[in-house]
C-alpha cells in the first residue's frame, strides 16, 4: 500500500513512476477522493465545534432560566447534518481504500527501465551447460518414459495441469523439499514455519493477492457460515500475514521465515502456454522464503535472499543465471526484484525457477506490520521480502533434463542421495 500522504503531496511524481507498471490514472482518482474526504471532515468538524459551543451556551441559558428551545432545535438539525456527513465520509473512505488497494508499488530508483521480460538485465551466470552426446529430451518425455510422471491419471482425478508422481519421482519431490529446508534453516538462518494452506480474504488483501489476482485463485465456501477461504498461491501469503497488526521490536529484525507448502493457482489466461510437464501446474510444491525487515535493511537483505536461492542450484550443480527485472516486469507489490533462471537443455534457454522481491514499506503498510525503533519514537512500517527457495517441480524438471543419460535413465545429484537412501539413478518403474 502506498503512503496516502505521498500521493497527496507528490501526485505527479507518483503518476510518472507508475506510468509503466500501471495505475497512473488511479492516482488522479485517489487525489480527488482524498480531497473530498478532507472537505467532508472539515465540514463535520466545524459542525461538531458549533454543537459543542451551542451545548455550553444552552447549559448556561438553562441556569439563568432563559428559553433555549430555538437553539436546541437548531442543534437537532446540526446533529442530523453531522450524521449525513459521517455517512458520506464512511462511503468515501471505503471508495478510497478500494482504489488505494489497486495502486501498485513504486519501483526503486535503481530498477532498470523497460516494458517487459525482454528488457530484463542479466546480472550473472553460474555453471556451464552440459554438452550432450545425444539430443536431450524434455523432462515430461523422460519422466513418462520412466513411468514416473503420469499426467493422464491426473486428468482423470482432476483436470489438465495436474500430475501424478510415481515411486522415485515422489521420493525425489520429498527429498528436494527436505534438502532445501535443511539448507535454509541450518546454514541461511531461516526459521521453519508450518502454516495454513487456506486463508481468509483479509489475509489475501493484506498480502497483495486481492483484488488484482482474484481470477488466479482457487477458493472454497463454507456453506454453513457462508465464509470464503482461499487456497494459498504461495506460502508467502501465510508467512507475510503472520505479524499483521503487530508492532515488532527493531532489535528482532530482520526476521527470516521459510515454509514448505503446496501452492494452488488457476493459471487463468495461460491456456496453451507450458501445458506439458511440471512447469506451470495448478498444484505444485514450493519452499518459500520471507523476510521482515526495516526499509533501510531491505535492499541488502534482498541481495542475500537471491544468494540463498542460488545456493540451492549450486549444491545441485545446475547451471543458472540471475536477471534483474525491469520496471515493466516488476510484480504489483515489488519495488525491486530478481529472477533466478535455471538452464533447460531441451529448450536451450534459461527458465525462471525463483523470483525474489523486495516490497519495501509497501508490504508492511498493506499488511499493517510495524516496528518500534530501538532509539525510540513512533512505530514505523516494516519492509517485507519474499522469494522461492525453490519451486520444487521446476527443480525436478531441471534435474531430469540436465542429468539425463543416453539410455533414458537420470542420475541423481550427489547432494540429494543422502535424502534418498543413497539412490544414484532413476530407472524405469
Protein backbone atom coordinates (compact mmCIF):
# COMPACT_ATOMS: atom_id res chain seq x y z
CA UNK A 1 0.00 0.00 0.00
CA UNK A 2 1.35 3.42 -0.94
CA UNK A 3 1.55 6.24 1.58
CA UNK A 4 -1.53 8.41 1.02
CA UNK A 5 0.37 11.49 2.14
CA UNK A 6 2.98 10.89 -0.58
CA UNK A 7 0.22 10.65 -3.20
CA UNK A 8 -1.41 13.81 -1.87
CA UNK A 9 1.81 15.82 -1.78
CA UNK A 10 3.51 14.50 -4.94
CA UNK A 11 0.77 13.16 -7.25
CA UNK A 12 2.64 13.93 -10.48
CA UNK A 13 5.76 12.10 -9.30
CA UNK A 14 3.74 9.05 -8.27
CA UNK A 15 1.85 9.04 -11.58
CA UNK A 16 5.11 9.22 -13.56
CA UNK A 17 6.62 6.39 -11.52
CA UNK A 18 3.58 4.20 -12.18
CA UNK A 19 3.30 5.03 -15.88
CA UNK A 20 4.84 1.69 -16.92
CA UNK A 21 3.59 -0.50 -14.06
CA UNK A 22 0.06 0.87 -14.46
CA UNK A 23 -2.01 2.88 -12.04
CA UNK A 24 -1.24 6.43 -13.19
CA UNK A 25 -4.94 7.13 -13.87
CA UNK A 26 -5.90 5.74 -10.48
CA UNK A 27 -3.64 8.34 -8.86
CA UNK A 28 -5.91 11.14 -10.13
CA UNK A 29 -8.97 9.39 -8.72
CA UNK A 30 -7.26 8.86 -5.36
CA UNK A 31 -6.25 12.53 -5.17
CA UNK A 32 -9.80 13.66 -5.99
CA UNK A 33 -11.38 11.32 -3.44
CA UNK A 34 -8.82 12.32 -0.82
CA UNK A 35 -9.73 16.00 -1.37
CA UNK A 36 -13.43 15.16 -0.99
CA UNK A 37 -12.68 13.23 2.18
CA UNK A 38 -10.77 16.10 3.75
CA UNK A 39 -13.56 18.55 2.85
CA UNK A 40 -16.15 16.27 4.46
CA UNK A 41 -14.01 16.03 7.58
CA UNK A 42 -13.65 19.83 7.70
CA UNK A 43 -17.40 20.38 7.40
CA UNK A 44 -18.19 17.75 10.02
CA UNK A 45 -15.57 19.14 12.41
CA UNK A 46 -16.96 22.69 12.01
CA UNK A 47 -20.45 21.47 12.80
CA UNK A 48 -19.23 19.46 15.79
CA UNK A 49 -17.38 22.51 17.12
CA UNK A 50 -20.55 24.57 16.63
CA UNK A 51 -22.53 21.93 18.50
CA UNK A 52 -20.09 21.92 21.40
CA UNK A 53 -20.25 25.70 21.71
CA UNK A 54 -24.04 25.69 21.48
CA UNK A 55 -24.34 22.92 24.09
CA UNK A 56 -22.34 25.00 26.54
CA UNK A 57 -24.43 28.11 25.76
CA UNK A 58 -27.69 26.16 26.20
CA UNK A 59 -26.47 24.89 29.55
CA UNK A 60 -25.67 28.41 30.70
CA UNK A 61 -29.06 29.67 29.46
CA UNK A 62 -30.88 26.99 31.43
CA UNK A 63 -29.04 28.01 34.58
CA UNK A 64 -30.27 31.57 34.05
CA UNK A 65 -33.81 30.33 33.43
CA UNK A 66 -33.82 31.52 29.82
CA UNK A 67 -35.72 29.87 26.95
CA UNK A 68 -33.28 27.89 24.72
CA UNK A 69 -35.78 25.87 22.68
CA UNK A 70 -34.88 27.59 19.41
CA UNK A 71 -31.17 26.85 19.85
CA UNK A 72 -31.95 23.27 20.84
CA UNK A 73 -34.00 22.85 17.66
CA UNK A 74 -31.08 24.22 15.65
CA UNK A 75 -28.76 21.72 17.32
CA UNK A 76 -31.05 18.83 16.37
CA UNK A 77 -30.72 19.99 12.77
CA UNK A 78 -26.94 20.26 13.17
CA UNK A 79 -26.87 16.71 14.57
CA UNK A 80 -28.78 15.41 11.57
CA UNK A 81 -26.33 17.14 9.21
CA UNK A 82 -23.39 15.63 11.07
CA UNK A 83 -24.91 12.14 10.67
CA UNK A 84 -25.28 12.72 6.92
CA UNK A 85 -21.67 13.91 6.63
CA UNK A 86 -20.38 10.96 8.67
CA UNK A 87 -22.27 8.56 6.40
CA UNK A 88 -20.83 10.25 3.32
CA UNK A 89 -17.35 10.13 4.87
CA UNK A 90 -17.67 6.40 5.55
CA UNK A 91 -18.65 5.82 1.91
CA UNK A 92 -15.74 7.92 0.62
CA UNK A 93 -13.33 6.09 2.96
CA UNK A 94 -14.47 2.74 1.54
CA UNK A 95 -14.05 4.00 -2.03
CA UNK A 96 -10.62 5.42 -1.21
CA UNK A 97 -9.48 2.18 0.41
CA UNK A 98 -10.68 0.19 -2.62
CA UNK A 99 -8.82 2.48 -5.03
CA UNK A 100 -5.65 2.58 -2.93
CA UNK A 101 -5.61 -1.24 -2.84
CA UNK A 102 -5.36 -1.24 -6.66
CA UNK A 103 -2.32 1.02 -6.81
CA UNK A 104 0.93 -0.90 -7.42
CA UNK A 105 4.17 -0.19 -5.60
CA UNK A 106 6.62 2.42 -6.85
CA UNK A 107 9.75 0.97 -8.50
CA UNK A 108 13.02 1.66 -6.72
CA UNK A 109 15.21 4.25 -8.42
CA UNK A 110 17.83 1.60 -9.23
CA UNK A 111 15.45 -0.61 -11.25
CA UNK A 112 16.34 -0.69 -14.97
CA UNK A 113 13.83 0.78 -17.42
CA UNK A 114 11.84 -1.47 -19.73
CA UNK A 115 8.36 -2.70 -20.55
CA UNK A 116 8.62 -6.47 -20.29
CA UNK A 117 10.80 -9.51 -19.62
CA UNK A 118 12.79 -8.96 -22.82
CA UNK A 119 14.17 -5.80 -21.19
CA UNK A 120 15.38 -7.55 -18.03
CA UNK A 121 19.10 -7.19 -17.33
CA UNK A 122 21.36 -10.19 -16.83
CA UNK A 123 23.41 -9.83 -13.66
CA UNK A 124 25.48 -13.02 -13.58
CA UNK A 125 25.71 -16.66 -14.66
CA UNK A 126 26.93 -19.75 -12.86
CA UNK A 127 27.89 -23.12 -14.30
CA UNK A 128 28.39 -24.29 -17.86
CA UNK A 129 25.52 -26.05 -19.66
CA UNK A 130 26.37 -29.69 -20.27
CA UNK A 131 27.43 -30.77 -23.74
CA UNK A 132 25.33 -33.84 -24.57
CA UNK A 133 26.47 -36.59 -26.92
CA UNK A 134 22.82 -37.09 -27.87
CA UNK A 135 19.73 -34.94 -28.37
CA UNK A 136 18.45 -34.13 -24.87
CA UNK A 137 14.78 -34.82 -24.27
CA UNK A 138 12.26 -32.61 -22.44
CA UNK A 139 11.57 -33.57 -18.85
CA UNK A 140 7.99 -34.70 -19.48
CA UNK A 141 9.12 -37.28 -22.05
CA UNK A 142 11.86 -38.51 -19.73
CA UNK A 143 9.55 -38.82 -16.74
CA UNK A 144 6.74 -40.53 -18.64
CA UNK A 145 9.13 -42.97 -20.34
CA UNK A 146 10.45 -43.97 -16.90
CA UNK A 147 6.91 -44.35 -15.59
CA UNK A 148 7.48 -41.59 -13.02
CA UNK A 149 5.21 -38.82 -14.34
CA UNK A 150 1.57 -39.65 -15.05
CA UNK A 151 -0.44 -36.67 -16.36
CA UNK A 152 -3.19 -38.89 -17.83
CA UNK A 153 -4.27 -40.26 -14.46
CA UNK A 154 -4.06 -36.75 -13.01
CA UNK A 155 -6.58 -35.59 -15.63
CA UNK A 156 -8.83 -38.47 -14.63
CA UNK A 157 -8.58 -37.45 -10.99
CA UNK A 158 -8.91 -33.70 -11.53
CA UNK A 159 -8.27 -31.97 -14.87
CA UNK A 160 -5.39 -30.81 -17.06
CA UNK A 161 -2.35 -29.16 -15.49
CA UNK A 162 -2.11 -31.61 -12.65
CA UNK A 163 0.34 -34.53 -12.42
CA UNK A 164 0.79 -37.78 -10.56
CA UNK A 165 4.32 -38.65 -9.42
CA UNK A 166 5.11 -42.33 -9.00
CA UNK A 167 7.78 -44.05 -6.91
CA UNK A 168 11.19 -42.41 -7.21
CA UNK A 169 9.70 -39.18 -8.56
CA UNK A 170 7.51 -38.80 -5.46
CA UNK A 171 10.54 -39.61 -3.36
CA UNK A 172 12.64 -37.07 -5.25
CA UNK A 173 9.98 -34.40 -4.61
CA UNK A 174 10.17 -35.14 -0.89
CA UNK A 175 13.98 -35.25 -0.95
CA UNK A 176 14.19 -31.86 -2.64
CA UNK A 177 11.90 -30.30 -0.04
CA UNK A 178 13.93 -31.70 2.85
CA UNK A 179 17.23 -30.74 1.24
CA UNK A 180 16.11 -27.14 0.69
CA UNK A 181 14.64 -26.78 4.19
CA UNK A 182 17.82 -28.12 5.77
CA UNK A 183 19.96 -25.71 3.76
CA UNK A 184 17.87 -22.65 4.57
CA UNK A 185 17.37 -23.41 8.27
CA UNK A 186 20.81 -24.80 9.12
CA UNK A 187 23.00 -22.53 7.01
CA UNK A 188 20.98 -19.47 5.97
CA UNK A 189 19.34 -18.66 9.29
CA UNK A 190 15.65 -19.09 8.44
CA UNK A 191 13.06 -20.31 10.91
CA UNK A 192 10.82 -23.05 9.52
CA UNK A 193 7.10 -22.41 9.95
CA UNK A 194 4.12 -24.68 9.25
CA UNK A 195 1.24 -22.52 8.05
CA UNK A 196 -2.41 -22.85 6.96
CA UNK A 197 -2.99 -23.58 3.28
CA UNK A 198 -6.43 -21.95 3.44
CA UNK A 199 -6.62 -18.26 4.41
CA UNK A 200 -9.34 -15.65 4.63
CA UNK A 201 -9.94 -12.76 2.25
CA UNK A 202 -8.43 -10.22 4.65
CA UNK A 203 -5.11 -12.07 4.56
CA UNK A 204 -5.23 -12.22 0.76
CA UNK A 205 -5.93 -8.48 0.63
CA UNK A 206 -3.17 -7.59 3.07
CA UNK A 207 -0.58 -9.58 1.13
CA UNK A 208 -1.48 -8.07 -2.24
CA UNK A 209 -3.30 -11.04 -3.80
CA UNK A 210 -6.68 -9.28 -3.76
CA UNK A 211 -8.22 -7.63 -5.60
CA UNK A 212 -5.75 -7.77 -8.52
CA UNK A 213 -5.25 -11.56 -8.71
CA UNK A 214 -8.77 -12.74 -7.87
CA UNK A 215 -9.13 -14.69 -11.13
CA UNK A 216 -5.92 -16.63 -10.44
CA UNK A 217 -7.11 -18.00 -7.10
CA UNK A 218 -8.89 -21.17 -6.07
CA UNK A 219 -11.38 -20.59 -3.27
CA UNK A 220 -13.77 -22.54 -1.08
CA UNK A 221 -17.02 -21.53 0.60
CA UNK A 222 -18.23 -22.94 3.92
CA UNK A 223 -21.97 -23.39 3.30
CA UNK A 224 -22.94 -23.32 6.97
CA UNK A 225 -21.19 -19.98 7.62
CA UNK A 226 -21.05 -18.64 4.03
CA UNK A 227 -17.40 -17.86 4.62
CA UNK A 228 -14.87 -17.82 1.79
CA UNK A 229 -11.39 -19.23 2.29
CA UNK A 230 -8.71 -19.12 -0.40
CA UNK A 231 -6.17 -21.81 -1.25
CA UNK A 232 -2.77 -20.14 -1.00
CA UNK A 233 -0.97 -19.47 -4.30
CA UNK A 234 2.30 -19.37 -2.32
CA UNK A 235 3.33 -19.72 1.33
CA UNK A 236 4.32 -16.05 1.15
CA UNK A 237 0.67 -15.22 1.85
CA UNK A 238 0.62 -17.06 5.17
CA UNK A 239 4.16 -16.13 6.19
CA UNK A 240 3.77 -12.43 5.42
CA UNK A 241 0.43 -12.38 7.21
CA UNK A 242 1.82 -13.86 10.45
CA UNK A 243 2.55 -10.47 12.03
CA UNK A 244 -0.31 -8.46 10.54
CA UNK A 245 -1.47 -5.83 13.01
CA UNK A 246 1.65 -6.26 15.20
CA UNK A 247 4.44 -3.92 16.29
CA UNK A 248 7.80 -5.72 16.39
CA UNK A 249 10.88 -4.53 18.31
CA UNK A 250 13.52 -3.31 15.87
CA UNK A 251 16.09 -5.44 17.69
CA UNK A 252 14.28 -8.58 16.48
CA UNK A 253 14.66 -7.63 12.79
CA UNK A 254 15.33 -8.94 10.26
CA UNK A 255 13.08 -11.95 10.69
CA UNK A 256 13.62 -14.76 8.21
CA UNK A 257 10.96 -17.43 7.71
CA UNK A 258 10.70 -20.45 5.43
CA UNK A 259 7.85 -22.87 4.74
CA UNK A 260 7.18 -25.88 2.56
CA UNK A 261 3.64 -25.93 1.17
CA UNK A 262 1.64 -26.92 -1.86
CA UNK A 263 0.65 -23.88 -3.93
CA UNK A 264 -2.58 -23.56 -5.90
CA UNK A 265 -3.05 -21.34 -8.96
CA UNK A 266 -5.73 -21.30 -11.62
CA UNK A 267 -3.26 -20.03 -14.25
CA UNK A 268 -6.11 -18.14 -15.89
CA UNK A 269 -5.16 -16.64 -19.23
CA UNK A 270 -2.23 -19.03 -19.81
CA UNK A 271 -4.04 -21.75 -21.78
CA UNK A 272 -1.69 -23.35 -24.30
CA UNK A 273 1.39 -21.99 -22.51
CA UNK A 274 3.72 -24.60 -20.93
CA UNK A 275 0.88 -27.10 -20.80
CA UNK A 276 3.10 -30.18 -20.67
CA UNK A 277 5.07 -31.42 -17.73
CA UNK A 278 5.75 -29.65 -14.46
CA UNK A 279 6.45 -26.04 -15.37
CA UNK A 280 3.02 -24.43 -14.97
CA UNK A 281 0.71 -26.53 -12.77
CA UNK A 282 -2.48 -25.81 -10.86
CA UNK A 283 -0.89 -27.50 -7.83
CA UNK A 284 2.82 -27.54 -7.10
CA UNK A 285 5.17 -27.66 -4.12
CA UNK A 286 7.49 -24.83 -3.18
CA UNK A 287 9.88 -23.75 -0.47
CA UNK A 288 9.15 -20.11 0.26
CA UNK A 289 11.50 -17.59 1.85
CA UNK A 290 10.07 -14.49 3.54
CA UNK A 291 11.86 -11.68 5.36
CA UNK A 292 10.51 -8.88 7.54
CA UNK A 293 13.00 -6.05 7.96
CA UNK A 294 13.33 -2.32 8.33
CA UNK A 295 13.21 -0.46 4.99
CA UNK A 296 16.87 0.51 5.50
CA UNK A 297 17.87 -3.18 5.77
CA UNK A 298 15.66 -4.41 2.96
CA UNK A 299 17.86 -3.93 -0.11
CA UNK A 300 20.85 -5.65 1.46
CA UNK A 301 18.52 -8.43 2.59
CA UNK A 302 17.20 -8.74 -0.98
CA UNK A 303 20.70 -9.47 -2.25
CA UNK A 304 21.22 -12.19 0.38
CA UNK A 305 17.78 -13.62 -0.41
CA UNK A 306 18.82 -14.11 -4.03
CA UNK A 307 22.09 -15.69 -2.91
CA UNK A 308 20.16 -18.12 -0.70
CA UNK A 309 18.06 -19.24 -3.69
CA UNK A 310 21.16 -19.53 -5.89
CA UNK A 311 22.90 -21.76 -3.37
CA UNK A 312 20.29 -24.48 -3.89
CA UNK A 313 21.17 -24.65 -7.58
CA UNK A 314 24.90 -24.56 -6.86
CA UNK A 315 24.62 -27.52 -4.48
CA UNK A 316 22.69 -29.39 -7.17
CA UNK A 317 25.23 -28.33 -9.83
CA UNK A 318 22.53 -26.89 -12.09
CA UNK A 319 23.61 -24.05 -14.40
CA UNK A 320 21.64 -20.84 -13.91
CA UNK A 321 21.64 -17.10 -14.39
CA UNK A 322 20.28 -14.15 -12.40
CA UNK A 323 18.43 -11.31 -14.11
CA UNK A 324 17.19 -8.07 -12.62
CA UNK A 325 13.60 -7.35 -13.57
CA UNK A 326 12.91 -4.09 -15.37
CA UNK A 327 10.12 -1.74 -14.33
CA UNK A 328 7.58 -3.27 -16.70
CA UNK A 329 8.26 -6.80 -15.41
CA UNK A 330 8.05 -5.98 -11.72
CA UNK A 331 5.17 -7.53 -9.84
CA UNK A 332 2.31 -5.50 -8.40
CA UNK A 333 3.89 -5.14 -4.94
CA UNK A 334 7.55 -5.18 -5.95
CA UNK A 335 9.91 -2.22 -5.60
CA UNK A 336 12.94 -4.17 -6.85
CA UNK A 337 13.35 -7.80 -7.84
CA UNK A 338 15.44 -10.52 -9.44
CA UNK A 339 14.65 -13.77 -11.21
CA UNK A 340 16.85 -16.83 -10.93
CA UNK A 341 16.61 -18.86 -14.13
CA UNK A 342 17.80 -22.45 -14.49
CA UNK A 343 19.13 -23.95 -17.73
CA UNK A 344 16.81 -26.39 -19.54
CA UNK A 345 18.71 -28.33 -22.22
CA UNK A 346 15.62 -29.35 -24.22
CA UNK A 347 14.68 -25.69 -24.69
CA UNK A 348 18.25 -24.40 -24.89
CA UNK A 349 17.30 -21.50 -22.66
CA UNK A 350 17.12 -20.38 -19.06
CA UNK A 351 13.68 -20.54 -17.39
CA UNK A 352 12.54 -18.93 -14.15
CA UNK A 353 12.83 -21.09 -11.05
CA UNK A 354 12.80 -18.38 -8.38
CA UNK A 355 11.51 -14.83 -8.20
CA UNK A 356 12.92 -12.69 -5.37
CA UNK A 357 11.28 -9.40 -4.49
CA UNK A 358 11.58 -6.50 -2.08
CA UNK A 359 8.22 -4.86 -1.38
CA UNK A 360 9.85 -2.22 0.86
CA UNK A 361 7.41 -0.44 3.22
CA UNK A 362 4.58 -1.04 0.70
CA UNK A 363 4.33 -4.60 2.04
CA UNK A 364 4.42 -3.58 5.69
CA UNK A 365 1.86 -0.83 5.18
CA UNK A 366 -0.50 -3.14 3.33
CA UNK A 367 -0.17 -5.93 5.90
CA UNK A 368 -0.05 -3.45 8.79
CA UNK A 369 3.28 -4.69 10.19
CA UNK A 370 5.28 -2.08 12.09
CA UNK A 371 8.45 -1.98 14.14
CA UNK A 372 9.32 0.14 17.14
CA UNK A 373 12.68 1.91 16.54
CA UNK A 374 15.36 0.92 19.05
CA UNK A 375 16.22 4.61 19.51
CA UNK A 376 12.61 5.39 20.42
CA UNK A 377 9.89 7.24 18.60
CA UNK A 378 6.71 6.24 16.86
CA UNK A 379 6.34 2.80 15.24
CA UNK A 380 7.20 2.70 11.54
CA UNK A 381 6.19 0.31 8.78
CA UNK A 382 8.37 -2.75 8.14
CA UNK A 383 9.60 -3.83 4.73
CA UNK A 384 8.62 -7.30 3.50
CA UNK A 385 10.55 -9.51 1.07
CA UNK A 386 9.91 -12.91 -0.45
CA UNK A 387 11.41 -15.42 -2.83
CA UNK A 388 11.24 -19.05 -3.91
CA UNK A 389 13.91 -21.19 -2.46
CA UNK A 390 12.99 -23.06 -4.76
CA UNK A 391 9.96 -24.16 -6.75
CA UNK A 392 10.28 -27.94 -6.33
CA UNK A 393 8.56 -29.05 -9.53
CA UNK A 394 10.75 -26.78 -11.65
CA UNK A 395 13.83 -28.02 -9.81
CA UNK A 396 12.81 -31.59 -10.63
CA UNK A 397 12.38 -30.55 -14.26
CA UNK A 398 15.92 -29.20 -14.33
CA UNK A 399 17.31 -32.36 -12.74
CA UNK A 400 15.53 -34.67 -15.18
CA UNK A 401 16.84 -32.71 -18.15
CA UNK A 402 20.36 -31.81 -17.02
CA UNK A 403 21.10 -35.24 -15.51
CA UNK A 404 19.51 -37.41 -18.22
CA UNK A 405 21.57 -40.17 -19.82
CA UNK A 406 21.53 -41.62 -23.32
CA UNK A 407 19.82 -44.81 -22.08
CA UNK A 408 16.88 -42.80 -20.72
CA UNK A 409 17.88 -43.02 -17.05
CA UNK A 410 18.57 -40.00 -14.85
CA UNK A 411 21.49 -39.58 -12.47
CA UNK A 412 20.54 -38.33 -9.01
CA UNK A 413 22.58 -35.26 -7.97
CA UNK A 414 25.12 -36.11 -5.27
CA UNK A 415 23.62 -33.59 -2.83
CA UNK A 416 20.27 -35.44 -2.88
CA UNK A 417 21.48 -39.02 -2.47
CA UNK A 418 21.63 -38.88 1.36
CA UNK A 419 17.93 -37.94 1.26
CA UNK A 420 17.14 -40.92 -1.00
CA UNK A 421 18.96 -43.65 0.91
CA UNK A 422 21.89 -43.47 -1.49
CA UNK A 423 19.85 -43.92 -4.68
CA UNK A 424 22.14 -42.85 -7.54
CA UNK A 425 19.94 -43.30 -10.60
CA UNK A 426 16.30 -43.05 -11.63
CA UNK A 427 15.32 -46.01 -13.75
CA UNK A 428 12.07 -47.29 -15.20
CA UNK A 429 9.46 -48.02 -12.55
